[in-house]
Structure formats: C-alpha cells, structure tokens
Amino acid sequence: MIKEFIQGLSITAKHLLPGNSTTVDYPKVKLEPSDRFRGLHRLVPDHNREKCVACYLCPTVCPAKCITVEAAEDENGVKYPTVYQIDMLRCIFCGYCVEACPVEAIEMTGEYELANYKREDFCFTKERLLK
C-alpha cells in the first residue's frame, strides 16, 4: 500500500516539474482545436451570394431555436434568405444545423473566441456569417 502511494506521488511530482505543464499562455499562444471542434458558424459563399436556399431546415432542427431565416425569391424563382441570423447566446453548438442543411451552406469553423461587451454583438447576421 505504501509502494502504490509513493508511485502516485512520484507521478504527481513529475507533472509539477518545469517543462511538463499543460497550461498555455493564452493570449500570446493559441490552441489549435481538433478537426471535429464545433466553433463559430459560417455561411458558405457561392459565386455572387450565399449558398443557402432558405429551406428552413436549420431553424426547424435547432433545439435552442436560435436561428432566424426569412426567405425571398429572385427574378429566376430561386429562393434565398433575406434575413439569416443566429443568436449565439442561445446556441448550444450542437451542429444539427450543419447536418440538416441539404446544400451544405452552413459550417462550423474552428474559431472559439466569443467574448464581447454588448448583447447585440452576439446576434450574428447574414453579412457577419459570410465573413
């Protein structure tokens, strides 16, 4: 029993030594998220506008009900969103909107910095999502 206790303390002591730290000096050094990380949303651009066809699948499947879409049609009869807005304060980053999209018009990026000072800055409009 003493032997196992000493082995456990030796492992802890090894992690306390310099050079074995898992802490990152954050603002100066940024972590690289994994490929499966679900960060900020992004609308995929397509030629002269977004790829979205305003099918309303993403707001329908969203469990947090944070996506707002309003559709219109152009002169050729092609639907497009006039309003596409995501309230990031309500979003739970589940990725259902990405999975439901039939034309792959929305994706989740690896960006994870969401800090803002005003609530209005967390409502991502279509123009901001296209950046």
C-alpha atoms as a PDB file:
ATOM      1  CA  MET A   1       0.000   0.000   0.000  1.00  0.00           C
ATOM      2  CA  ILE A   2       2.854   2.380   0.762  1.00  0.00           C
ATOM      3  CA  LYS A   3       4.555   1.434  -2.503  1.00  0.00           C
ATOM      4  CA  GLU A   4       1.489   2.436  -4.575  1.00  0.00           C
ATOM      5  CA  PHE A   5       1.153   5.664  -2.611  1.00  0.00           C
ATOM      6  CA  ILE A   6       4.769   6.611  -3.350  1.00  0.00           C
ATOM      7  CA  GLN A   7       4.318   5.740  -7.049  1.00  0.00           C
ATOM      8  CA  GLY A   8       1.285   8.046  -7.215  1.00  0.00           C
ATOM      9  CA  LEU A   9       3.209  10.874  -5.534  1.00  0.00           C
ATOM     10  CA  SER A  10       6.120  10.396  -7.953  1.00  0.00           C
ATOM     11  CA  ILE A  11       3.779  10.785 -10.940  1.00  0.00           C
ATOM     12  CA  THR A  12       2.357  13.961  -9.405  1.00  0.00           C
ATOM     13  CA  ALA A  13       5.855  15.296  -8.710  1.00  0.00           C
ATOM     14  CA  LYS A  14       6.859  14.680 -12.354  1.00  0.00           C
ATOM     15  CA  HIS A  15       3.932  16.827 -13.527  1.00  0.00           C
ATOM     16  CA  LEU A  16       4.973  19.642 -11.198  1.00  0.00           C
ATOM     17  CA  LEU A  17       8.451  19.905 -12.700  1.00  0.00           C
ATOM     18  CA  PRO A  18       9.103  22.690 -15.227  1.00  0.00           C
ATOM     19  CA  GLY A  19       8.535  21.656 -18.845  1.00  0.00           C
ATOM     20  CA  ASN A  20       5.679  19.267 -18.065  1.00  0.00           C
ATOM     21  CA  SER A  21       2.989  21.909 -17.850  1.00  0.00           C
ATOM     22  CA  THR A  22      -0.216  21.696 -19.870  1.00  0.00           C
ATOM     23  CA  THR A  23      -1.030  25.358 -19.256  1.00  0.00           C
ATOM     24  CA  VAL A  24      -0.899  27.667 -22.280  1.00  0.00           C
ATOM     25  CA  ASP A  25      -0.022  31.368 -22.164  1.00  0.00           C
ATOM     26  CA  TYR A  26      -3.383  32.093 -23.812  1.00  0.00           C
ATOM     27  CA  PRO A  27      -3.474  35.490 -25.451  1.00  0.00           C
ATOM     28  CA  LYS A  28       0.028  35.031 -26.808  1.00  0.00           C
ATOM     29  CA  VAL A  29      -0.239  31.335 -27.655  1.00  0.00           C
ATOM     30  CA  LYS A  30      -3.497  29.988 -29.073  1.00  0.00           C
ATOM     31  CA  LEU A  31      -4.509  26.367 -29.034  1.00  0.00           C
ATOM     32  CA  GLU A  32      -5.206  24.598 -32.307  1.00  0.00           C
ATOM     33  CA  PRO A  33      -8.606  22.887 -31.974  1.00  0.00           C
ATOM     34  CA  SER A  34      -9.200  19.420 -33.357  1.00  0.00           C
ATOM     35  CA  ASP A  35     -10.845  18.885 -36.743  1.00  0.00           C
ATOM     36  CA  ARG A  36     -14.108  17.836 -35.080  1.00  0.00           C
ATOM     37  CA  PHE A  37     -14.327  21.003 -32.957  1.00  0.00           C
ATOM     38  CA  ARG A  38     -17.609  22.908 -33.364  1.00  0.00           C
ATOM     39  CA  GLY A  39     -16.883  26.611 -33.097  1.00  0.00           C
ATOM     40  CA  LEU A  40     -18.435  29.671 -34.690  1.00  0.00           C
ATOM     41  CA  HIS A  41     -20.846  29.263 -37.587  1.00  0.00           C
ATOM     42  CA  ARG A  42     -20.104  30.419 -41.122  1.00  0.00           C
ATOM     43  CA  LEU A  43     -22.275  30.689 -44.224  1.00  0.00           C
ATOM     44  CA  VAL A  44     -20.538  29.333 -47.300  1.00  0.00           C
ATOM     45  CA  PRO A  45     -20.419  31.882 -50.142  1.00  0.00           C
ATOM     46  CA  ASP A  46     -21.326  30.783 -53.659  1.00  0.00           C
ATOM     47  CA  HIS A  47     -20.315  32.983 -56.618  1.00  0.00           C
ATOM     48  CA  ASN A  48     -22.207  36.241 -56.007  1.00  0.00           C
ATOM     49  CA  ARG A  49     -24.107  35.388 -52.779  1.00  0.00           C
ATOM     50  CA  GLU A  50     -24.519  32.730 -50.084  1.00  0.00           C
ATOM     51  CA  LYS A  51     -25.178  29.091 -50.896  1.00  0.00           C
ATOM     52  CA  CYS A  52     -28.287  28.956 -48.672  1.00  0.00           C
ATOM     53  CA  VAL A  53     -31.620  28.239 -50.405  1.00  0.00           C
ATOM     54  CA  ALA A  54     -33.774  29.240 -47.400  1.00  0.00           C
ATOM     55  CA  CYS A  55     -35.304  25.788 -46.948  1.00  0.00           C
ATOM     56  CA  TYR A  56     -35.941  26.400 -43.207  1.00  0.00           C
ATOM     57  CA  LEU A  57     -34.398  23.083 -42.162  1.00  0.00           C
ATOM     58  CA  CYS A  58     -31.767  24.646 -39.879  1.00  0.00           C
ATOM     59  CA  PRO A  59     -34.243  26.648 -37.721  1.00  0.00           C
ATOM     60  CA  THR A  60     -36.569  23.643 -37.653  1.00  0.00           C
ATOM     61  CA  VAL A  61     -33.960  21.208 -36.376  1.00  0.00           C
ATOM     62  CA  CYS A  62     -32.271  23.641 -33.944  1.00  0.00           C
ATOM     63  CA  PRO A  63     -33.082  22.558 -30.361  1.00  0.00           C
ATOM     64  CA  ALA A  64     -32.278  26.007 -28.949  1.00  0.00           C
ATOM     65  CA  LYS A  65     -34.375  27.845 -31.578  1.00  0.00           C
ATOM     66  CA  CYS A  66     -31.602  30.392 -32.096  1.00  0.00           C
ATOM     67  CA  ILE A  67     -31.698  30.577 -35.922  1.00  0.00           C
ATOM     68  CA  THR A  68     -33.986  33.007 -37.747  1.00  0.00           C
ATOM     69  CA  VAL A  69     -34.494  32.747 -41.512  1.00  0.00           C
ATOM     70  CA  GLU A  70     -36.704  34.858 -43.766  1.00  0.00           C
ATOM     71  CA  ALA A  71     -36.862  33.918 -47.444  1.00  0.00           C
ATOM     72  CA  ALA A  72     -37.415  35.742 -50.717  1.00  0.00           C
ATOM     73  CA  GLU A  73     -37.267  34.809 -54.392  1.00  0.00           C
ATOM     74  CA  ASP A  74     -35.258  36.457 -57.118  1.00  0.00           C
ATOM     75  CA  GLU A  75     -36.467  37.037 -60.699  1.00  0.00           C
ATOM     76  CA  ASN A  76     -35.484  33.465 -61.690  1.00  0.00           C
ATOM     77  CA  GLY A  77     -37.582  31.926 -58.893  1.00  0.00           C
ATOM     78  CA  VAL A  78     -34.566  30.886 -56.806  1.00  0.00           C
ATOM     79  CA  LYS A  79     -35.106  31.218 -53.058  1.00  0.00           C
ATOM     80  CA  TYR A  80     -32.530  32.981 -50.936  1.00  0.00           C
ATOM     81  CA  PRO A  81     -32.514  34.268 -47.337  1.00  0.00           C
ATOM     82  CA  THR A  82     -33.127  37.965 -46.889  1.00  0.00           C
ATOM     83  CA  VAL A  83     -32.564  37.537 -43.145  1.00  0.00           C
ATOM     84  CA  TYR A  84     -30.304  34.850 -41.690  1.00  0.00           C
ATOM     85  CA  GLN A  85     -29.496  35.409 -38.042  1.00  0.00           C
ATOM     86  CA  ILE A  86     -28.025  33.242 -35.289  1.00  0.00           C
ATOM     87  CA  ASP A  87     -28.259  34.265 -31.640  1.00  0.00           C
ATOM     88  CA  MET A  88     -25.005  32.918 -30.218  1.00  0.00           C
ATOM     89  CA  LEU A  89     -26.159  33.424 -26.632  1.00  0.00           C
ATOM     90  CA  ARG A  90     -28.839  30.781 -27.171  1.00  0.00           C
ATOM     91  CA  CYS A  91     -26.801  28.465 -29.416  1.00  0.00           C
ATOM     92  CA  ILE A  92     -25.573  25.235 -27.833  1.00  0.00           C
ATOM     93  CA  PHE A  93     -23.152  24.414 -30.705  1.00  0.00           C
ATOM     94  CA  CYS A  94     -24.715  21.005 -31.322  1.00  0.00           C
ATOM     95  CA  GLY A  95     -24.096  21.054 -35.080  1.00  0.00           C
ATOM     96  CA  TYR A  96     -27.619  19.914 -36.040  1.00  0.00           C
ATOM     97  CA  CYS A  97     -27.974  22.875 -38.405  1.00  0.00           C
ATOM     98  CA  VAL A  98     -24.882  21.751 -40.300  1.00  0.00           C
ATOM     99  CA  GLU A  99     -26.122  18.168 -40.532  1.00  0.00           C
ATOM    100  CA  ALA A 100     -29.609  19.198 -41.690  1.00  0.00           C
ATOM    101  CA  CYS A 101     -28.526  21.550 -44.482  1.00  0.00           C
ATOM    102  CA  PRO A 102     -29.151  19.867 -47.861  1.00  0.00           C
ATOM    103  CA  VAL A 103     -26.797  22.163 -49.799  1.00  0.00           C
ATOM    104  CA  GLU A 104     -24.028  22.399 -47.164  1.00  0.00           C
ATOM    105  CA  ALA A 105     -24.497  26.153 -46.892  1.00  0.00           C
ATOM    106  CA  ILE A 106     -23.551  26.411 -43.209  1.00  0.00           C
ATOM    107  CA  GLU A 107     -20.471  25.083 -41.483  1.00  0.00           C
ATOM    108  CA  MET A 108     -18.823  25.341 -38.111  1.00  0.00           C
ATOM    109  CA  THR A 109     -15.324  26.768 -38.017  1.00  0.00           C
ATOM    110  CA  GLY A 110     -12.503  26.233 -35.559  1.00  0.00           C
ATOM    111  CA  GLU A 111     -12.815  29.768 -34.191  1.00  0.00           C
ATOM    112  CA  TYR A 112     -13.550  29.745 -30.466  1.00  0.00           C
ATOM    113  CA  GLU A 113     -13.148  33.327 -29.253  1.00  0.00           C
ATOM    114  CA  LEU A 114     -16.662  34.579 -28.493  1.00  0.00           C
ATOM    115  CA  ALA A 115     -16.048  37.358 -25.987  1.00  0.00           C
ATOM    116  CA  ASN A 116     -17.939  40.632 -26.476  1.00  0.00           C
ATOM    117  CA  TYR A 117     -19.122  43.507 -24.318  1.00  0.00           C
ATOM    118  CA  LYS A 118     -22.657  44.000 -25.672  1.00  0.00           C
ATOM    119  CA  ARG A 119     -25.500  41.525 -26.170  1.00  0.00           C
ATOM    120  CA  GLU A 120     -26.114  42.866 -29.684  1.00  0.00           C
ATOM    121  CA  ASP A 121     -22.664  41.648 -30.736  1.00  0.00           C
ATOM    122  CA  PHE A 122     -23.769  38.046 -30.187  1.00  0.00           C
ATOM    123  CA  CYS A 123     -26.514  38.225 -32.841  1.00  0.00           C
ATOM    124  CA  PHE A 124     -24.686  37.142 -35.977  1.00  0.00           C
ATOM    125  CA  THR A 125     -26.366  38.489 -39.122  1.00  0.00           C
ATOM    126  CA  LYS A 126     -26.012  37.133 -42.645  1.00  0.00           C
ATOM    127  CA  GLU A 127     -23.290  39.647 -43.509  1.00  0.00           C
ATOM    128  CA  ARG A 128     -21.242  38.701 -40.438  1.00  0.00           C
ATOM    129  CA  LEU A 129     -21.676  34.980 -41.091  1.00  0.00           C
ATOM    130  CA  LEU A 130     -20.381  35.391 -44.649  1.00  0.00           C
ATOM    131  CA  LYS A 131     -17.060  36.893 -43.482  1.00  0.00           C
END
